[in-house]
Amino acid sequence: MREPSAPPLQGRTYGRQLREALDRIEGLIVEGLRHGFFNYSIHCEIGRDGRRELVIEAGKSHKFRIPQDELSR
């Protein structure tokens, strides 16, 4: 049985940290496509106070601490 897909990202409201992370991911992908090739790694774990520690490795690392209340259900 297929799981329901997530709602589209456009038009959704996010907290500041999550919005910055999504904007960074989008920018990195567009930049990589223009350049012609890229290799990125994204990983996440739950840190203190339920914050998500999101790390994007793309030549250098970008770390975002996203509070649990920024995650919409």
PDB file of N, CA and C in Angstrom:
ATOM      1  N   MET A   1       0.842  -1.177   0.000  1.00  0.00           N
ATOM      2  CA  MET A   1       0.000   0.000   0.000  1.00  0.00           C
ATOM      3  C   MET A   1       0.887   1.239   0.000  1.00  0.00           C
ATOM      4  N   ARG A   2       0.585   2.174  -0.868  1.00  0.00           N
ATOM      5  CA  ARG A   2       1.379   3.398  -0.974  1.00  0.00           C
ATOM      6  C   ARG A   2       1.048   4.350   0.162  1.00  0.00           C
ATOM      7  N   GLU A   3       2.103   4.997   0.656  1.00  0.00           N
ATOM      8  CA  GLU A   3       1.899   6.025   1.668  1.00  0.00           C
ATOM      9  C   GLU A   3       1.429   7.296   0.969  1.00  0.00           C
ATOM     10  N   PRO A   4       0.601   8.092   1.628  1.00  0.00           N
ATOM     11  CA  PRO A   4       0.167   9.343   0.999  1.00  0.00           C
ATOM     12  C   PRO A   4       1.363  10.264   0.800  1.00  0.00           C
ATOM     13  N   SER A   5       1.371  10.952  -0.319  1.00  0.00           N
ATOM     14  CA  SER A   5       2.486  11.862  -0.598  1.00  0.00           C
ATOM     15  C   SER A   5       2.338  13.129   0.233  1.00  0.00           C
ATOM     16  N   ALA A   6       3.473  13.767   0.470  1.00  0.00           N
ATOM     17  CA  ALA A   6       3.474  15.023   1.232  1.00  0.00           C
ATOM     18  C   ALA A   6       2.859  16.124   0.381  1.00  0.00           C
ATOM     19  N   PRO A   7       2.205  17.083   1.024  1.00  0.00           N
ATOM     20  CA  PRO A   7       1.651  18.200   0.269  1.00  0.00           C
ATOM     21  C   PRO A   7       2.762  18.974  -0.430  1.00  0.00           C
ATOM     22  N   PRO A   8       2.462  19.659  -1.536  1.00  0.00           N
ATOM     23  CA  PRO A   8       3.484  20.427  -2.242  1.00  0.00           C
ATOM     24  C   PRO A   8       4.086  21.498  -1.333  1.00  0.00           C
ATOM     25  N   LEU A   9       5.352  21.818  -1.566  1.00  0.00           N
ATOM     26  CA  LEU A   9       6.052  22.789  -0.726  1.00  0.00           C
ATOM     27  C   LEU A   9       5.583  24.226  -0.957  1.00  0.00           C
ATOM     28  N   GLN A  10       5.237  24.546  -2.194  1.00  0.00           N
ATOM     29  CA  GLN A  10       4.832  25.920  -2.473  1.00  0.00           C
ATOM     30  C   GLN A  10       3.546  26.255  -1.730  1.00  0.00           C
ATOM     31  N   GLY A  11       3.513  27.444  -1.188  1.00  0.00           N
ATOM     32  CA  GLY A  11       2.325  27.891  -0.493  1.00  0.00           C
ATOM     33  C   GLY A  11       2.287  27.491   0.972  1.00  0.00           C
ATOM     34  N   ARG A  12       3.258  26.685   1.413  1.00  0.00           N
ATOM     35  CA  ARG A  12       3.306  26.284   2.818  1.00  0.00           C
ATOM     36  C   ARG A  12       4.103  27.305   3.604  1.00  0.00           C
ATOM     37  N   THR A  13       3.761  27.478   4.851  1.00  0.00           N
ATOM     38  CA  THR A  13       4.451  28.405   5.726  1.00  0.00           C
ATOM     39  C   THR A  13       5.350  27.615   6.671  1.00  0.00           C
ATOM     40  N   TYR A  14       6.608  28.034   6.760  1.00  0.00           N
ATOM     41  CA  TYR A  14       7.572  27.375   7.624  1.00  0.00           C
ATOM     42  C   TYR A  14       8.211  28.395   8.542  1.00  0.00           C
ATOM     43  N   GLY A  15       8.804  27.899   9.635  1.00  0.00           N
ATOM     44  CA  GLY A  15       9.569  28.753  10.521  1.00  0.00           C
ATOM     45  C   GLY A  15      10.862  29.193   9.844  1.00  0.00           C
ATOM     46  N   ARG A  16      11.545  30.126  10.480  1.00  0.00           N
ATOM     47  CA  ARG A  16      12.733  30.741   9.883  1.00  0.00           C
ATOM     48  C   ARG A  16      13.833  29.735   9.556  1.00  0.00           C
ATOM     49  N   GLN A  17      14.201  28.861  10.498  1.00  0.00           N
ATOM     50  CA  GLN A  17      15.299  27.920  10.266  1.00  0.00           C
ATOM     51  C   GLN A  17      14.969  26.920   9.163  1.00  0.00           C
ATOM     52  N   LEU A  18      13.764  26.393   9.165  1.00  0.00           N
ATOM     53  CA  LEU A  18      13.374  25.435   8.139  1.00  0.00           C
ATOM     54  C   LEU A  18      13.327  26.111   6.775  1.00  0.00           C
ATOM     55  N   ARG A  19      12.813  27.318   6.712  1.00  0.00           N
ATOM     56  CA  ARG A  19      12.761  28.047   5.441  1.00  0.00           C
ATOM     57  C   ARG A  19      14.170  28.300   4.909  1.00  0.00           C
ATOM     58  N   GLU A  20      15.106  28.683   5.804  1.00  0.00           N
ATOM     59  CA  GLU A  20      16.496  28.910   5.380  1.00  0.00           C
ATOM     60  C   GLU A  20      17.120  27.625   4.849  1.00  0.00           C
ATOM     61  N   ALA A  21      16.852  26.502   5.499  1.00  0.00           N
ATOM     62  CA  ALA A  21      17.394  25.222   5.044  1.00  0.00           C
ATOM     63  C   ALA A  21      16.843  24.850   3.668  1.00  0.00           C
ATOM     64  N   LEU A  22      15.537  24.993   3.477  1.00  0.00           N
ATOM     65  CA  LEU A  22      14.935  24.674   2.181  1.00  0.00           C
ATOM     66  C   LEU A  22      15.446  25.595   1.080  1.00  0.00           C
ATOM     67  N   ASP A  23      15.606  26.873   1.404  1.00  0.00           N
ATOM     68  CA  ASP A  23      16.150  27.822   0.418  1.00  0.00           C
ATOM     69  C   ASP A  23      17.585  27.460   0.047  1.00  0.00           C
ATOM     70  N   ARG A  24      18.374  27.042   1.039  1.00  0.00           N
ATOM     71  CA  ARG A  24      19.763  26.654   0.773  1.00  0.00           C
ATOM     72  C   ARG A  24      19.811  25.435  -0.126  1.00  0.00           C
ATOM     73  N   ILE A  25      18.973  24.427   0.165  1.00  0.00           N
ATOM     74  CA  ILE A  25      18.933  23.216  -0.666  1.00  0.00           C
ATOM     75  C   ILE A  25      18.554  23.571  -2.098  1.00  0.00           C
ATOM     76  N   GLU A  26      17.513  24.384  -2.249  1.00  0.00           N
ATOM     77  CA  GLU A  26      17.094  24.778  -3.594  1.00  0.00           C
ATOM     78  C   GLU A  26      18.222  25.507  -4.323  1.00  0.00           C
ATOM     79  N   GLY A  27      18.878  26.442  -3.645  1.00  0.00           N
ATOM     80  CA  GLY A  27      19.967  27.193  -4.270  1.00  0.00           C
ATOM     81  C   GLY A  27      21.126  26.298  -4.682  1.00  0.00           C
ATOM     82  N   LEU A  28      21.470  25.335  -3.834  1.00  0.00           N
ATOM     83  CA  LEU A  28      22.560  24.421  -4.159  1.00  0.00           C
ATOM     84  C   LEU A  28      22.229  23.560  -5.372  1.00  0.00           C
ATOM     85  N   ILE A  29      21.000  23.089  -5.450  1.00  0.00           N
ATOM     86  CA  ILE A  29      20.605  22.261  -6.598  1.00  0.00           C
ATOM     87  C   ILE A  29      20.644  23.069  -7.887  1.00  0.00           C
ATOM     88  N   VAL A  30      20.081  24.271  -7.859  1.00  0.00           N
ATOM     89  CA  VAL A  30      20.080  25.113  -9.067  1.00  0.00           C
ATOM     90  C   VAL A  30      21.521  25.437  -9.477  1.00  0.00           C
ATOM     91  N   GLU A  31      22.363  25.792  -8.507  1.00  0.00           N
ATOM     92  CA  GLU A  31      23.771  26.095  -8.797  1.00  0.00           C
ATOM     93  C   GLU A  31      24.476  24.879  -9.395  1.00  0.00           C
ATOM     94  N   GLY A  32      24.229  23.698  -8.829  1.00  0.00           N
ATOM     95  CA  GLY A  32      24.839  22.475  -9.350  1.00  0.00           C
ATOM     96  C   GLY A  32      24.378  22.150 -10.759  1.00  0.00           C
ATOM     97  N   LEU A  33      23.101  22.362 -11.043  1.00  0.00           N
ATOM     98  CA  LEU A  33      22.587  22.116 -12.395  1.00  0.00           C
ATOM     99  C   LEU A  33      23.213  23.072 -13.405  1.00  0.00           C
ATOM    100  N   ARG A  34      23.386  24.313 -13.012  1.00  0.00           N
ATOM    101  CA  ARG A  34      24.034  25.287 -13.911  1.00  0.00           C
ATOM    102  C   ARG A  34      25.484  24.898 -14.168  1.00  0.00           C
ATOM    103  N   HIS A  35      26.157  24.425 -13.126  1.00  0.00           N
ATOM    104  CA  HIS A  35      27.559  24.034 -13.241  1.00  0.00           C
ATOM    105  C   HIS A  35      27.702  22.758 -14.067  1.00  0.00           C
ATOM    106  N   GLY A  36      26.746  21.876 -13.970  1.00  0.00           N
ATOM    107  CA  GLY A  36      26.755  20.667 -14.776  1.00  0.00           C
ATOM    108  C   GLY A  36      26.903  19.385 -13.985  1.00  0.00           C
ATOM    109  N   PHE A  37      27.376  19.465 -12.758  1.00  0.00           N
ATOM    110  CA  PHE A  37      27.466  18.270 -11.919  1.00  0.00           C
ATOM    111  C   PHE A  37      27.577  18.714 -10.469  1.00  0.00           C
ATOM    112  N   PHE A  38      27.158  17.813  -9.589  1.00  0.00           N
ATOM    113  CA  PHE A  38      27.261  18.105  -8.168  1.00  0.00           C
ATOM    114  C   PHE A  38      27.072  16.825  -7.364  1.00  0.00           C
ATOM    115  N   ASN A  39      27.506  16.871  -6.127  1.00  0.00           N
ATOM    116  CA  ASN A  39      27.349  15.753  -5.207  1.00  0.00           C
ATOM    117  C   ASN A  39      27.108  16.351  -3.825  1.00  0.00           C
ATOM    118  N   TYR A  40      25.917  16.157  -3.289  1.00  0.00           N
ATOM    119  CA  TYR A  40      25.549  16.700  -1.991  1.00  0.00           C
ATOM    120  C   TYR A  40      25.130  15.565  -1.075  1.00  0.00           C
ATOM    121  N   SER A  41      25.259  15.808   0.215  1.00  0.00           N
ATOM    122  CA  SER A  41      24.809  14.861   1.218  1.00  0.00           C
ATOM    123  C   SER A  41      23.979  15.632   2.245  1.00  0.00           C
ATOM    124  N   ILE A  42      22.859  15.063   2.627  1.00  0.00           N
ATOM    125  CA  ILE A  42      21.994  15.690   3.626  1.00  0.00           C
ATOM    126  C   ILE A  42      21.690  14.637   4.692  1.00  0.00           C
ATOM    127  N   HIS A  43      21.905  15.014   5.946  1.00  0.00           N
ATOM    128  CA  HIS A  43      21.529  14.096   7.014  1.00  0.00           C
ATOM    129  C   HIS A  43      20.968  14.881   8.186  1.00  0.00           C
ATOM    130  N   CYS A  44      20.199  14.172   9.015  1.00  0.00           N
ATOM    131  CA  CYS A  44      19.492  14.822  10.112  1.00  0.00           C
ATOM    132  C   CYS A  44      19.439  13.873  11.301  1.00  0.00           C
ATOM    133  N   GLU A  45      19.481  14.470  12.485  1.00  0.00           N
ATOM    134  CA  GLU A  45      19.269  13.704  13.709  1.00  0.00           C
ATOM    135  C   GLU A  45      18.553  14.603  14.702  1.00  0.00           C
ATOM    136  N   ILE A  46      17.955  13.989  15.702  1.00  0.00           N
ATOM    137  CA  ILE A  46      17.243  14.756  16.720  1.00  0.00           C
ATOM    138  C   ILE A  46      18.232  15.124  17.814  1.00  0.00           C
ATOM    139  N   GLY A  47      18.332  16.427  18.082  1.00  0.00           N
ATOM    140  CA  GLY A  47      19.246  16.936  19.101  1.00  0.00           C
ATOM    141  C   GLY A  47      18.508  17.338  20.362  1.00  0.00           C
ATOM    142  N   ARG A  48      19.134  18.223  21.120  1.00  0.00           N
ATOM    143  CA  ARG A  48      18.538  18.697  22.373  1.00  0.00           C
ATOM    144  C   ARG A  48      17.206  19.387  22.126  1.00  0.00           C
ATOM    145  N   ASP A  49      16.321  19.254  23.078  1.00  0.00           N
ATOM    146  CA  ASP A  49      15.005  19.903  23.048  1.00  0.00           C
ATOM    147  C   ASP A  49      14.187  19.544  21.811  1.00  0.00           C
ATOM    148  N   GLY A  50      14.462  18.372  21.216  1.00  0.00           N
ATOM    149  CA  GLY A  50      13.697  17.934  20.051  1.00  0.00           C
ATOM    150  C   GLY A  50      14.058  18.654  18.760  1.00  0.00           C
ATOM    151  N   ARG A  51      15.100  19.489  18.792  1.00  0.00           N
ATOM    152  CA  ARG A  51      15.505  20.202  17.572  1.00  0.00           C
ATOM    153  C   ARG A  51      16.102  19.221  16.576  1.00  0.00           C
ATOM    154  N   ARG A  52      15.839  19.461  15.314  1.00  0.00           N
ATOM    155  CA  ARG A  52      16.419  18.643  14.252  1.00  0.00           C
ATOM    156  C   ARG A  52      17.733  19.282  13.838  1.00  0.00           C
ATOM    157  N   GLU A  53      18.796  18.486  13.881  1.00  0.00           N
ATOM    158  CA  GLU A  53      20.115  18.946  13.465  1.00  0.00           C
ATOM    159  C   GLU A  53      20.282  18.519  12.008  1.00  0.00           C
ATOM    160  N   LEU A  54      20.015  19.429  11.095  1.00  0.00           N
ATOM    161  CA  LEU A  54      20.077  19.158   9.663  1.00  0.00           C
ATOM    162  C   LEU A  54      21.409  19.655   9.137  1.00  0.00           C
ATOM    163  N   VAL A  55      22.176  18.763   8.502  1.00  0.00           N
ATOM    164  CA  VAL A  55      23.474  19.128   7.949  1.00  0.00           C
ATOM    165  C   VAL A  55      23.464  18.842   6.454  1.00  0.00           C
ATOM    166  N   ILE A  56      23.826  19.864   5.687  1.00  0.00           N
ATOM    167  CA  ILE A  56      23.941  19.745   4.231  1.00  0.00           C
ATOM    168  C   ILE A  56      25.426  19.858   3.904  1.00  0.00           C
ATOM    169  N   GLU A  57      25.992  18.804   3.339  1.00  0.00           N
ATOM    170  CA  GLU A  57      27.400  18.824   2.952  1.00  0.00           C
ATOM    171  C   GLU A  57      27.479  19.029   1.445  1.00  0.00           C
ATOM    172  N   ALA A  58      28.031  20.172   1.074  1.00  0.00           N
ATOM    173  CA  ALA A  58      28.121  20.538  -0.339  1.00  0.00           C
ATOM    174  C   ALA A  58      29.413  21.335  -0.525  1.00  0.00           C
ATOM    175  N   GLY A  59      30.542  20.648  -0.482  1.00  0.00           N
ATOM    176  CA  GLY A  59      31.820  21.344  -0.515  1.00  0.00           C
ATOM    177  C   GLY A  59      32.178  21.825   0.884  1.00  0.00           C
ATOM    178  N   LYS A  60      31.286  22.548   1.496  1.00  0.00           N
ATOM    179  CA  LYS A  60      31.398  22.893   2.908  1.00  0.00           C
ATOM    180  C   LYS A  60      30.075  22.506   3.555  1.00  0.00           C
ATOM    181  N   SER A  61      30.073  22.435   4.873  1.00  0.00           N
ATOM    182  CA  SER A  61      28.863  22.011   5.577  1.00  0.00           C
ATOM    183  C   SER A  61      28.014  23.205   5.984  1.00  0.00           C
ATOM    184  N   HIS A  62      26.711  23.039   5.857  1.00  0.00           N
ATOM    185  CA  HIS A  62      25.730  24.028   6.305  1.00  0.00           C
ATOM    186  C   HIS A  62      24.875  23.327   7.349  1.00  0.00           C
ATOM    187  N   LYS A  63      24.830  23.882   8.569  1.00  0.00           N
ATOM    188  CA  LYS A  63      24.090  23.230   9.645  1.00  0.00           C
ATOM    189  C   LYS A  63      22.927  24.111  10.072  1.00  0.00           C
ATOM    190  N   PHE A  64      21.765  23.498  10.213  1.00  0.00           N
ATOM    191  CA  PHE A  64      20.555  24.191  10.637  1.00  0.00           C
ATOM    192  C   PHE A  64      19.990  23.473  11.848  1.00  0.00           C
ATOM    193  N   ARG A  65      19.610  24.221  12.880  1.00  0.00           N
ATOM    194  CA  ARG A  65      18.949  23.667  14.063  1.00  0.00           C
ATOM    195  C   ARG A  65      17.488  24.091  13.999  1.00  0.00           C
ATOM    196  N   ILE A  66      16.645  23.155  13.666  1.00  0.00           N
ATOM    197  CA  ILE A  66      15.241  23.450  13.405  1.00  0.00           C
ATOM    198  C   ILE A  66      14.408  23.022  14.613  1.00  0.00           C
ATOM    199  N   PRO A  67      13.784  23.987  15.300  1.00  0.00           N
ATOM    200  CA  PRO A  67      12.938  23.642  16.440  1.00  0.00           C
ATOM    201  C   PRO A  67      11.752  22.774  16.005  1.00  0.00           C
ATOM    202  N   GLN A  68      11.329  21.890  16.885  1.00  0.00           N
ATOM    203  CA  GLN A  68      10.239  20.969  16.571  1.00  0.00           C
ATOM    204  C   GLN A  68       8.963  21.718  16.202  1.00  0.00           C
ATOM    205  N   ASP A  69       8.725  22.865  16.815  1.00  0.00           N
ATOM    206  CA  ASP A  69       7.480  23.599  16.523  1.00  0.00           C
ATOM    207  C   ASP A  69       7.456  24.220  15.136  1.00  0.00           C
ATOM    208  N   GLU A  70       8.596  24.213  14.419  1.00  0.00           N
ATOM    209  CA  GLU A  70       8.613  24.699  13.038  1.00  0.00           C
ATOM    210  C   GLU A  70       8.162  23.628  12.052  1.00  0.00           C
ATOM    211  N   LEU A  71       8.006  22.416  12.516  1.00  0.00           N
ATOM    212  CA  LEU A  71       7.618  21.314  11.632  1.00  0.00           C
ATOM    213  C   LEU A  71       6.115  21.187  11.619  1.00  0.00           C
ATOM    214  N   SER A  72       5.517  21.449  10.480  1.00  0.00           N
ATOM    215  CA  SER A  72       4.056  21.327  10.370  1.00  0.00           C
ATOM    216  C   SER A  72       3.688  19.874  10.158  1.00  0.00           C
ATOM    217  N   ARG A  73       2.534  19.517  10.586  1.00  0.00           N
ATOM    218  CA  ARG A  73       2.045  18.142  10.422  1.00  0.00           C
ATOM    219  C   ARG A  73       1.024  18.090   9.346  1.00  0.00           C
TER     220      ARG A  73
END
